[in-house]
PDB file of N, CA and C in Angstrom:
ATOM      1  N   MET A   1     107.288 109.491 116.703  1.00  0.00           N
ATOM      2  CA  MET A   1     107.120 110.381 115.587  1.00  0.00           C
ATOM      3  C   MET A   1     106.091 111.458 115.912  1.00  0.00           C
ATOM      4  N   VAL A   2     104.991 111.057 116.541  1.00  0.00           N
ATOM      5  CA  VAL A   2     103.952 112.026 116.883  1.00  0.00           C
ATOM      6  C   VAL A   2     104.486 113.017 117.910  1.00  0.00           C
ATOM      7  N   ARG A   3     105.161 112.520 118.930  1.00  0.00           N
ATOM      8  CA  ARG A   3     105.711 113.406 119.958  1.00  0.00           C
ATOM      9  C   ARG A   3     106.703 114.389 119.353  1.00  0.00           C
ATOM     10  N   THR A   4     107.576 113.899 118.487  1.00  0.00           N
ATOM     11  CA  THR A   4     108.573 114.770 117.851  1.00  0.00           C
ATOM     12  C   THR A   4     107.890 115.856 117.029  1.00  0.00           C
ATOM     13  N   ALA A   5     106.900 115.486 116.224  1.00  0.00           N
ATOM     14  CA  ALA A   5     106.185 116.466 115.404  1.00  0.00           C
ATOM     15  C   ALA A   5     105.478 117.488 116.290  1.00  0.00           C
ATOM     16  N   ARG A   6     104.839 117.000 117.350  1.00  0.00           N
ATOM     17  CA  ARG A   6     104.106 117.900 118.254  1.00  0.00           C
ATOM     18  C   ARG A   6     105.056 118.880 118.925  1.00  0.00           C
ATOM     19  N   ARG A   7     106.183 118.386 119.418  1.00  0.00           N
ATOM     20  CA  ARG A   7     107.146 119.260 120.099  1.00  0.00           C
ATOM     21  C   ARG A   7     107.775 120.268 119.146  1.00  0.00           C
ATOM     22  N   ARG A   8     108.091 119.834 117.932  1.00  0.00           N
ATOM     23  CA  ARG A   8     108.654 120.771 116.947  1.00  0.00           C
ATOM     24  C   ARG A   8     107.677 121.899 116.644  1.00  0.00           C
ATOM     25  N   ALA A   9     106.391 121.571 116.682  1.00  0.00           N
ATOM     26  CA  ALA A   9     105.364 122.585 116.422  1.00  0.00           C
ATOM     27  C   ALA A   9     105.069 123.421 117.670  1.00  0.00           C
ATOM     28  N   GLY A  10     105.650 123.043 118.807  1.00  0.00           N
ATOM     29  CA  GLY A  10     105.424 123.784 120.038  1.00  0.00           C
ATOM     30  C   GLY A  10     104.023 123.613 120.593  1.00  0.00           C
ATOM     31  N   LEU A  11     103.446 122.437 120.387  1.00  0.00           N
ATOM     32  CA  LEU A  11     102.064 122.183 120.808  1.00  0.00           C
ATOM     33  C   LEU A  11     102.012 121.278 122.029  1.00  0.00           C
ATOM     34  N   THR A  12     100.997 121.474 122.847  1.00  0.00           N
ATOM     35  CA  THR A  12     100.699 120.527 123.914  1.00  0.00           C
ATOM     36  C   THR A  12      99.849 119.420 123.311  1.00  0.00           C
ATOM     37  N   GLN A  13      99.708 118.334 124.044  1.00  0.00           N
ATOM     38  CA  GLN A  13      98.825 117.269 123.576  1.00  0.00           C
ATOM     39  C   GLN A  13      97.398 117.801 123.431  1.00  0.00           C
ATOM     40  N   ARG A  14      96.979 118.631 124.343  1.00  0.00           N
ATOM     41  CA  ARG A  14      95.619 119.178 124.301  1.00  0.00           C
ATOM     42  C   ARG A  14      95.410 120.026 123.035  1.00  0.00           C
ATOM     43  N   GLU A  15      96.419 120.853 122.692  1.00  0.00           N
ATOM     44  CA  GLU A  15      96.307 121.686 121.492  1.00  0.00           C
ATOM     45  C   GLU A  15      96.327 120.826 120.228  1.00  0.00           C
ATOM     46  N   LEU A  16      97.179 119.813 120.213  1.00  0.00           N
ATOM     47  CA  LEU A  16      97.216 118.897 119.063  1.00  0.00           C
ATOM     48  C   LEU A  16      95.878 118.183 118.918  1.00  0.00           C
ATOM     49  N   SER A  17      95.287 117.823 120.033  1.00  0.00           N
ATOM     50  CA  SER A  17      93.985 117.174 120.025  1.00  0.00           C
ATOM     51  C   SER A  17      92.927 118.093 119.413  1.00  0.00           C
ATOM     52  N   ARG A  18      92.935 119.338 119.847  1.00  0.00           N
ATOM     53  CA  ARG A  18      91.957 120.306 119.330  1.00  0.00           C
ATOM     54  C   ARG A  18      92.116 120.497 117.825  1.00  0.00           C
ATOM     55  N   ARG A  19      93.368 120.619 117.371  1.00  0.00           N
ATOM     56  CA  ARG A  19      93.622 120.853 115.935  1.00  0.00           C
ATOM     57  C   ARG A  19      93.344 119.627 115.074  1.00  0.00           C
ATOM     58  N   SER A  20      93.596 118.443 115.610  1.00  0.00           N
ATOM     59  CA  SER A  20      93.496 117.228 114.800  1.00  0.00           C
ATOM     60  C   SER A  20      92.154 116.511 114.916  1.00  0.00           C
ATOM     61  N   GLY A  21      91.448 116.771 116.025  1.00  0.00           N
ATOM     62  CA  GLY A  21      90.210 116.042 116.260  1.00  0.00           C
ATOM     63  C   GLY A  21      90.425 114.665 116.872  1.00  0.00           C
ATOM     64  N   ILE A  22      91.662 114.357 117.226  1.00  0.00           N
ATOM     65  CA  ILE A  22      91.991 113.075 117.865  1.00  0.00           C
ATOM     66  C   ILE A  22      91.992 113.320 119.374  1.00  0.00           C
ATOM     67  N   PRO A  23      91.299 112.495 120.160  1.00  0.00           N
ATOM     68  CA  PRO A  23      91.243 112.715 121.607  1.00  0.00           C
ATOM     69  C   PRO A  23      92.634 112.741 122.255  1.00  0.00           C
ATOM     70  N   GLN A  24      92.813 113.627 123.231  1.00  0.00           N
ATOM     71  CA  GLN A  24      94.102 113.766 123.920  1.00  0.00           C
ATOM     72  C   GLN A  24      94.553 112.459 124.567  1.00  0.00           C
ATOM     73  N   PRO A  25      93.689 111.682 125.204  1.00  0.00           N
ATOM     74  CA  PRO A  25      94.160 110.409 125.777  1.00  0.00           C
ATOM     75  C   PRO A  25      94.718 109.455 124.708  1.00  0.00           C
ATOM     76  N   THR A  26      94.154 109.506 123.511  1.00  0.00           N
ATOM     77  CA  THR A  26      94.668 108.679 122.414  1.00  0.00           C
ATOM     78  C   THR A  26      96.065 109.135 122.030  1.00  0.00           C
ATOM     79  N   ILE A  27      96.264 110.449 121.968  1.00  0.00           N
ATOM     80  CA  ILE A  27      97.588 110.999 121.640  1.00  0.00           C
ATOM     81  C   ILE A  27      98.605 110.543 122.691  1.00  0.00           C
ATOM     82  N   SER A  28      98.224 110.604 123.959  1.00  0.00           N
ATOM     83  CA  SER A  28      99.109 110.179 125.035  1.00  0.00           C
ATOM     84  C   SER A  28      99.484 108.703 124.889  1.00  0.00           C
ATOM     85  N   ARG A  29      98.504 107.862 124.589  1.00  0.00           N
ATOM     86  CA  ARG A  29      98.784 106.424 124.432  1.00  0.00           C
ATOM     87  C   ARG A  29      99.703 106.172 123.239  1.00  0.00           C
ATOM     88  N   ILE A  30      99.519 106.942 122.158  1.00  0.00           N
ATOM     89  CA  ILE A  30     100.397 106.798 120.979  1.00  0.00           C
ATOM     90  C   ILE A  30     101.811 107.217 121.350  1.00  0.00           C
ATOM     91  N   GLU A  31     101.945 108.370 122.003  1.00  0.00           N
ATOM     92  CA  GLU A  31     103.273 108.882 122.347  1.00  0.00           C
ATOM     93  C   GLU A  31     104.002 107.990 123.344  1.00  0.00           C
ATOM     94  N   HIS A  32     103.281 107.294 124.184  1.00  0.00           N
ATOM     95  CA  HIS A  32     103.909 106.401 125.165  1.00  0.00           C
ATOM     96  C   HIS A  32     104.080 104.976 124.633  1.00  0.00           C
ATOM     97  N   GLY A  33     103.719 104.744 123.383  1.00  0.00           N
ATOM     98  CA  GLY A  33     103.914 103.438 122.770  1.00  0.00           C
ATOM     99  C   GLY A  33     102.935 102.378 123.226  1.00  0.00           C
ATOM    100  N   VAL A  34     101.841 102.804 123.851  1.00  0.00           N
ATOM    101  CA  VAL A  34     100.836 101.854 124.319  1.00  0.00           C
ATOM    102  C   VAL A  34     100.034 101.320 123.144  1.00  0.00           C
ATOM    103  N   VAL A  35      99.785 102.199 122.173  1.00  0.00           N
ATOM    104  CA  VAL A  35      99.067 101.799 120.958  1.00  0.00           C
ATOM    105  C   VAL A  35      99.852 102.281 119.747  1.00  0.00           C
ATOM    106  N   SER A  36      99.645 101.607 118.648  1.00  0.00           N
ATOM    107  CA  SER A  36     100.255 101.992 117.377  1.00  0.00           C
ATOM    108  C   SER A  36      99.147 102.580 116.505  1.00  0.00           C
ATOM    109  N   PRO A  37      99.302 103.838 116.072  1.00  0.00           N
ATOM    110  CA  PRO A  37      98.204 104.469 115.345  1.00  0.00           C
ATOM    111  C   PRO A  37      98.027 103.899 113.944  1.00  0.00           C
ATOM    112  N   THR A  38      96.788 103.926 113.477  1.00  0.00           N
ATOM    113  CA  THR A  38      96.529 103.601 112.078  1.00  0.00           C
ATOM    114  C   THR A  38      96.934 104.807 111.244  1.00  0.00           C
ATOM    115  N   PHE A  39      97.021 104.622 109.957  1.00  0.00           N
ATOM    116  CA  PHE A  39      97.354 105.735 109.072  1.00  0.00           C
ATOM    117  C   PHE A  39      96.301 106.834 109.182  1.00  0.00           C
ATOM    118  N   ASP A  40      95.028 106.434 109.304  1.00  0.00           N
ATOM    119  CA  ASP A  40      93.947 107.414 109.399  1.00  0.00           C
ATOM    120  C   ASP A  40      94.015 108.227 110.680  1.00  0.00           C
ATOM    121  N   THR A  41      94.684 107.743 111.692  1.00  0.00           N
ATOM    122  CA  THR A  41      94.892 108.501 112.919  1.00  0.00           C
ATOM    123  C   THR A  41      96.193 109.297 112.840  1.00  0.00           C
ATOM    124  N   LEU A  42      97.218 108.700 112.297  1.00  0.00           N
ATOM    125  CA  LEU A  42      98.526 109.337 112.222  1.00  0.00           C
ATOM    126  C   LEU A  42      98.510 110.587 111.346  1.00  0.00           C
ATOM    127  N   ARG A  43      97.878 110.490 110.196  1.00  0.00           N
ATOM    128  CA  ARG A  43      97.903 111.604 109.241  1.00  0.00           C
ATOM    129  C   ARG A  43      97.379 112.908 109.831  1.00  0.00           C
ATOM    130  N   PRO A  44      96.179 112.945 110.431  1.00  0.00           N
ATOM    131  CA  PRO A  44      95.722 114.232 110.969  1.00  0.00           C
ATOM    132  C   PRO A  44      96.595 114.755 112.110  1.00  0.00           C
ATOM    133  N   LEU A  45      97.201 113.861 112.873  1.00  0.00           N
ATOM    134  CA  LEU A  45      98.089 114.308 113.947  1.00  0.00           C
ATOM    135  C   LEU A  45      99.319 115.006 113.378  1.00  0.00           C
ATOM    136  N   ILE A  46      99.934 114.383 112.407  1.00  0.00           N
ATOM    137  CA  ILE A  46     101.142 114.948 111.799  1.00  0.00           C
ATOM    138  C   ILE A  46     100.812 116.253 111.077  1.00  0.00           C
ATOM    139  N   GLU A  47      99.709 116.264 110.336  1.00  0.00           N
ATOM    140  CA  GLU A  47      99.331 117.473 109.603  1.00  0.00           C
ATOM    141  C   GLU A  47      98.953 118.614 110.549  1.00  0.00           C
ATOM    142  N   ALA A  48      98.316 118.294 111.673  1.00  0.00           N
ATOM    143  CA  ALA A  48      97.960 119.325 112.650  1.00  0.00           C
ATOM    144  C   ALA A  48      99.216 119.933 113.277  1.00  0.00           C
ATOM    145  N   ALA A  49     100.320 119.205 113.247  1.00  0.00           N
ATOM    146  CA  ALA A  49     101.591 119.704 113.763  1.00  0.00           C
ATOM    147  C   ALA A  49     102.382 120.431 112.688  1.00  0.00           C
ATOM    148  N   GLY A  50     101.770 120.635 111.516  1.00  0.00           N
ATOM    149  CA  GLY A  50     102.421 121.399 110.450  1.00  0.00           C
ATOM    150  C   GLY A  50     103.369 120.599 109.589  1.00  0.00           C
ATOM    151  N   MET A  51     103.262 119.289 109.628  1.00  0.00           N
ATOM    152  CA  MET A  51     104.113 118.432 108.797  1.00  0.00           C
ATOM    153  C   MET A  51     103.208 117.636 107.864  1.00  0.00           C
ATOM    154  N   GLU A  52     103.814 116.883 106.977  1.00  0.00           N
ATOM    155  CA  GLU A  52     103.011 116.041 106.108  1.00  0.00           C
ATOM    156  C   GLU A  52     103.554 114.627 106.077  1.00  0.00           C
ATOM    157  N   VAL A  53     102.671 113.704 105.830  1.00  0.00           N
ATOM    158  CA  VAL A  53     103.037 112.300 105.715  1.00  0.00           C
ATOM    159  C   VAL A  53     103.229 112.005 104.237  1.00  0.00           C
ATOM    160  N   GLN A  54     104.367 111.436 103.892  1.00  0.00           N
ATOM    161  CA  GLN A  54     104.628 111.053 102.512  1.00  0.00           C
ATOM    162  C   GLN A  54     104.902 109.561 102.471  1.00  0.00           C
ATOM    163  N   LEU A  55     104.348 108.910 101.474  1.00  0.00           N
ATOM    164  CA  LEU A  55     104.593 107.479 101.287  1.00  0.00           C
ATOM    165  C   LEU A  55     105.800 107.317 100.381  1.00  0.00           C
ATOM    166  N   ALA A  56     106.629 106.348 100.700  1.00  0.00           N
ATOM    167  CA  ALA A  56     107.818 106.077  99.894  1.00  0.00           C
ATOM    168  C   ALA A  56     107.951 104.572  99.722  1.00  0.00           C
ATOM    169  N   GLU A  57     108.485 104.191  98.578  1.00  0.00           N
ATOM    170  CA  GLU A  57     108.706 102.770  98.343  1.00  0.00           C
ATOM    171  C   GLU A  57     109.796 102.262  99.267  1.00  0.00           C
ATOM    172  N   ARG A  58     109.605 101.070  99.779  1.00  0.00           N
ATOM    173  CA  ARG A  58     110.622 100.441 100.609  1.00  0.00           C
ATOM    174  C   ARG A  58     111.559  99.652  99.721  1.00  0.00           C
ATOM    175  N   ALA A  59     112.817  99.615 100.106  1.00  0.00           N
ATOM    176  CA  ALA A  59     113.801  98.840  99.358  1.00  0.00           C
ATOM    177  C   ALA A  59     113.395  97.371  99.341  1.00  0.00           C
ATOM    178  N   GLY A  60     113.503  96.759  98.193  1.00  0.00           N
ATOM    179  CA  GLY A  60     113.196  95.340  98.077  1.00  0.00           C
ATOM    180  C   GLY A  60     111.759  95.042  97.711  1.00  0.00           C
ATOM    181  N   VAL A  61     110.888  96.049  97.806  1.00  0.00           N
ATOM    182  CA  VAL A  61     109.491  95.839  97.449  1.00  0.00           C
ATOM    183  C   VAL A  61     109.354  96.084  95.954  1.00  0.00           C
ATOM    184  N   GLY A  62     108.702  95.202  95.265  1.00  0.00           N
ATOM    185  CA  GLY A  62     108.546  95.336  93.820  1.00  0.00           C
ATOM    186  C   GLY A  62     109.732  94.793  93.037  1.00  0.00           C
ATOM    187  N   VAL A  63     110.627  94.113  93.718  1.00  0.00           N
ATOM    188  CA  VAL A  63     111.808  93.551  93.065  1.00  0.00           C
ATOM    189  C   VAL A  63     111.443  92.207  92.453  1.00  0.00           C
ATOM    190  N   ASP A  64     111.914  91.993  91.231  1.00  0.00           N
ATOM    191  CA  ASP A  64     111.714  90.690  90.581  1.00  0.00           C
ATOM    192  C   ASP A  64     112.668  89.695  91.227  1.00  0.00           C
ATOM    193  N   ARG A  65     112.123  88.790  92.003  1.00  0.00           N
ATOM    194  CA  ARG A  65     112.940  87.844  92.744  1.00  0.00           C
ATOM    195  C   ARG A  65     113.193  86.545  91.977  1.00  0.00           C
ATOM    196  N   SER A  66     112.775  86.480  90.722  1.00  0.00           N
ATOM    197  CA  SER A  66     112.935  85.242  89.961  1.00  0.00           C
ATOM    198  C   SER A  66     114.408  84.893  89.763  1.00  0.00           C
ATOM    199  N   GLN A  67     115.266  85.896  89.539  1.00  0.00           N
ATOM    200  CA  GLN A  67     116.690  85.601  89.360  1.00  0.00           C
ATOM    201  C   GLN A  67     117.317  85.132  90.671  1.00  0.00           C
ATOM    202  N   LEU A  68     116.854  85.689  91.777  1.00  0.00           N
ATOM    203  CA  LEU A  68     117.360  85.219  93.074  1.00  0.00           C
ATOM    204  C   LEU A  68     117.003  83.755  93.287  1.00  0.00           C
ATOM    205  N   ARG A  69     115.729  83.418  93.006  1.00  0.00           N
ATOM    206  CA  ARG A  69     115.307  82.030  93.175  1.00  0.00           C
ATOM    207  C   ARG A  69     116.096  81.108  92.243  1.00  0.00           C
ATOM    208  N   GLU A  70     116.341  81.582  91.018  1.00  0.00           N
ATOM    209  CA  GLU A  70     117.095  80.776  90.060  1.00  0.00           C
ATOM    210  C   GLU A  70     118.508  80.498  90.582  1.00  0.00           C
ATOM    211  N   ARG A  71     119.178  81.527  91.097  1.00  0.00           N
ATOM    212  CA  ARG A  71     120.537  81.352  91.629  1.00  0.00           C
ATOM    213  C   ARG A  71     120.532  80.438  92.857  1.00  0.00           C
ATOM    214  N   LEU A  72     119.533  80.602  93.710  1.00  0.00           N
ATOM    215  CA  LEU A  72     119.481  79.779  94.918  1.00  0.00           C
ATOM    216  C   LEU A  72     119.181  78.315  94.618  1.00  0.00           C
ATOM    217  N   SER A  73     118.577  78.051  93.465  1.00  0.00           N
ATOM    218  CA  SER A  73     118.304  76.658  93.104  1.00  0.00           C
ATOM    219  C   SER A  73     119.556  75.965  92.555  1.00  0.00           C
ATOM    220  N   MET A  74     120.603  76.746  92.248  1.00  0.00           N
ATOM    221  CA  MET A  74     121.854  76.178  91.729  1.00  0.00           C
ATOM    222  C   MET A  74     122.712  75.635  92.871  1.00  0.00           C
ATOM    223  N   SER A  75     123.582  74.723  92.526  1.00  0.00           N
ATOM    224  CA  SER A  75     124.565  74.241  93.504  1.00  0.00           C
ATOM    225  C   SER A  75     125.622  75.340  93.687  1.00  0.00           C
ATOM    226  N   PRO A  76     126.412  75.276  94.757  1.00  0.00           N
ATOM    227  CA  PRO A  76     127.479  76.266  94.926  1.00  0.00           C
ATOM    228  C   PRO A  76     128.443  76.305  93.739  1.00  0.00           C
ATOM    229  N   ALA A  77     128.768  75.137  93.177  1.00  0.00           N
ATOM    230  CA  ALA A  77     129.681  75.092  92.034  1.00  0.00           C
ATOM    231  C   ALA A  77     129.061  75.787  90.818  1.00  0.00           C
ATOM    232  N   GLU A  78     127.748  75.584  90.615  1.00  0.00           N
ATOM    233  CA  GLU A  78     127.071  76.239  89.489  1.00  0.00           C
ATOM    234  C   GLU A  78     127.025  77.755  89.687  1.00  0.00           C
ATOM    235  N   ARG A  79     126.783  78.187  90.927  1.00  0.00           N
ATOM    236  CA  ARG A  79     126.764  79.631  91.207  1.00  0.00           C
ATOM    237  C   ARG A  79     128.146  80.235  90.982  1.00  0.00           C
ATOM    238  N   PHE A  80     129.184  79.522  91.402  1.00  0.00           N
ATOM    239  CA  PHE A  80     130.547  80.004  91.204  1.00  0.00           C
ATOM    240  C   PHE A  80     130.857  80.135  89.712  1.00  0.00           C
ATOM    241  N   ALA A  81     130.496  79.118  88.938  1.00  0.00           N
ATOM    242  CA  ALA A  81     130.747  79.152  87.492  1.00  0.00           C
ATOM    243  C   ALA A  81     129.997  80.309  86.841  1.00  0.00           C
ATOM    244  N   ALA A  82     128.776  80.553  87.270  1.00  0.00           N
ATOM    245  CA  ALA A  82     128.001  81.664  86.730  1.00  0.00           C
ATOM    246  C   ALA A  82     128.643  83.004  87.097  1.00  0.00           C
ATOM    247  N   ALA A  83     129.165  83.105  88.318  1.00  0.00           N
ATOM    248  CA  ALA A  83     129.828  84.337  88.744  1.00  0.00           C
ATOM    249  C   ALA A  83     131.099  84.581  87.938  1.00  0.00           C
ATOM    250  N   VAL A  84     131.872  83.527  87.688  1.00  0.00           N
ATOM    251  CA  VAL A  84     133.091  83.660  86.884  1.00  0.00           C
ATOM    252  C   VAL A  84     132.729  84.099  85.466  1.00  0.00           C
ATOM    253  N   GLY A  85     131.689  83.491  84.905  1.00  0.00           N
ATOM    254  CA  GLY A  85     131.245  83.889  83.563  1.00  0.00           C
ATOM    255  C   GLY A  85     130.793  85.344  83.536  1.00  0.00           C
ATOM    256  N   GLY A  86     130.086  85.776  84.569  1.00  0.00           N
ATOM    257  CA  GLY A  86     129.656  87.169  84.653  1.00  0.00           C
ATOM    258  C   GLY A  86     130.840  88.114  84.751  1.00  0.00           C
ATOM    259  N   ALA A  87     131.841  87.734  85.551  1.00  0.00           N
ATOM    260  CA  ALA A  87     133.040  88.558  85.679  1.00  0.00           C
ATOM    261  C   ALA A  87     133.772  88.669  84.354  1.00  0.00           C
ATOM    262  N   ARG A  88     133.832  87.586  83.604  1.00  0.00           N
ATOM    263  CA  ARG A  88     134.477  87.627  82.278  1.00  0.00           C
ATOM    264  C   ARG A  88     133.715  88.564  81.344  1.00  0.00           C
ATOM    265  N   ASN A  89     132.386  88.508  81.402  1.00  0.00           N
ATOM    266  CA  ASN A  89     131.581  89.384  80.554  1.00  0.00           C
ATOM    267  C   ASN A  89     131.807  90.852  80.906  1.00  0.00           C
ATOM    268  N   ILE A  90     131.883  91.152  82.185  1.00  0.00           N
ATOM    269  CA  ILE A  90     132.123  92.534  82.609  1.00  0.00           C
ATOM    270  C   ILE A  90     133.504  92.994  82.145  1.00  0.00           C
ATOM    271  N   ALA A  91     134.504  92.134  82.294  1.00  0.00           N
ATOM    272  CA  ALA A  91     135.856  92.486  81.850  1.00  0.00           C
ATOM    273  C   ALA A  91     135.867  92.759  80.344  1.00  0.00           C
ATOM    274  N   ALA A  92     135.157  91.973  79.575  1.00  0.00           N
ATOM    275  CA  ALA A  92     135.087  92.182  78.128  1.00  0.00           C
ATOM    276  C   ALA A  92     134.401  93.503  77.804  1.00  0.00           C
ATOM    277  N   LEU A  93     133.343  93.822  78.531  1.00  0.00           N
ATOM    278  CA  LEU A  93     132.659  95.103  78.313  1.00  0.00           C
ATOM    279  C   LEU A  93     133.568  96.279  78.635  1.00  0.00           C
ATOM    280  N   VAL A  94     134.335  96.175  79.708  1.00  0.00           N
ATOM    281  CA  VAL A  94     135.256  97.247  80.084  1.00  0.00           C
ATOM    282  C   VAL A  94     136.324  97.423  79.005  1.00  0.00           C
ATOM    283  N   ARG A  95     136.879  96.312  78.533  1.00  0.00           N
ATOM    284  CA  ARG A  95     137.889  96.385  77.453  1.00  0.00           C
ATOM    285  C   ARG A  95     137.289  97.042  76.220  1.00  0.00           C
ATOM    286  N   HIS A  96     136.095  96.650  75.860  1.00  0.00           N
ATOM    287  CA  HIS A  96     135.425  97.213  74.676  1.00  0.00           C
ATOM    288  C   HIS A  96     135.181  98.720  74.861  1.00  0.00           C
ATOM    289  N   ALA A  97     134.727  99.123  76.041  1.00  0.00           N
ATOM    290  CA  ALA A  97     134.458 100.531  76.289  1.00  0.00           C
ATOM    291  C   ALA A  97     135.738 101.354  76.225  1.00  0.00           C
ATOM    292  N   ARG A  98     136.814 100.809  76.772  1.00  0.00           N
ATOM    293  CA  ARG A  98     138.094 101.530  76.741  1.00  0.00           C
ATOM    294  C   ARG A  98     138.635 101.653  75.320  1.00  0.00           C
ATOM    295  N   ALA A  99     138.429 100.606  74.523  1.00  0.00           N
ATOM    296  CA  ALA A  99     138.919 100.624  73.132  1.00  0.00           C
ATOM    297  C   ALA A  99     138.159 101.639  72.298  1.00  0.00           C
ATOM    298  N   HIS A 100     136.914 101.948  72.673  1.00  0.00           N
ATOM    299  CA  HIS A 100     136.101 102.864  71.891  1.00  0.00           C
ATOM    300  C   HIS A 100     135.886 104.207  72.588  1.00  0.00           C
ATOM    301  N   ALA A 101     136.694 104.479  73.577  1.00  0.00           N
ATOM    302  CA  ALA A 101     136.548 105.756  74.308  1.00  0.00           C
ATOM    303  C   ALA A 101     137.369 106.846  73.689  1.00  0.00           C
TER     304      ALA A 101
END
């Protein structure tokens, strides 16, 4: 990611170092995968290359897993019966929506 940002900005490692305040040997080690940068190191490198770091939620984080645990505690037959009941409920909702459309 650092190498891509640096190259897109048309910068050498030395120039990126000067702009970011991160030593050039550190940049080289990051770009070669020798070390994994901390956020506090990554951010100034990316910003010095004219890009920005944005945080985004990852899929599955913050998900209420209680229903998953509940389903997994059921036997296969119980899960099947629950799925059939759910399918019947959905079919009833579709019929109701079509009747009132």
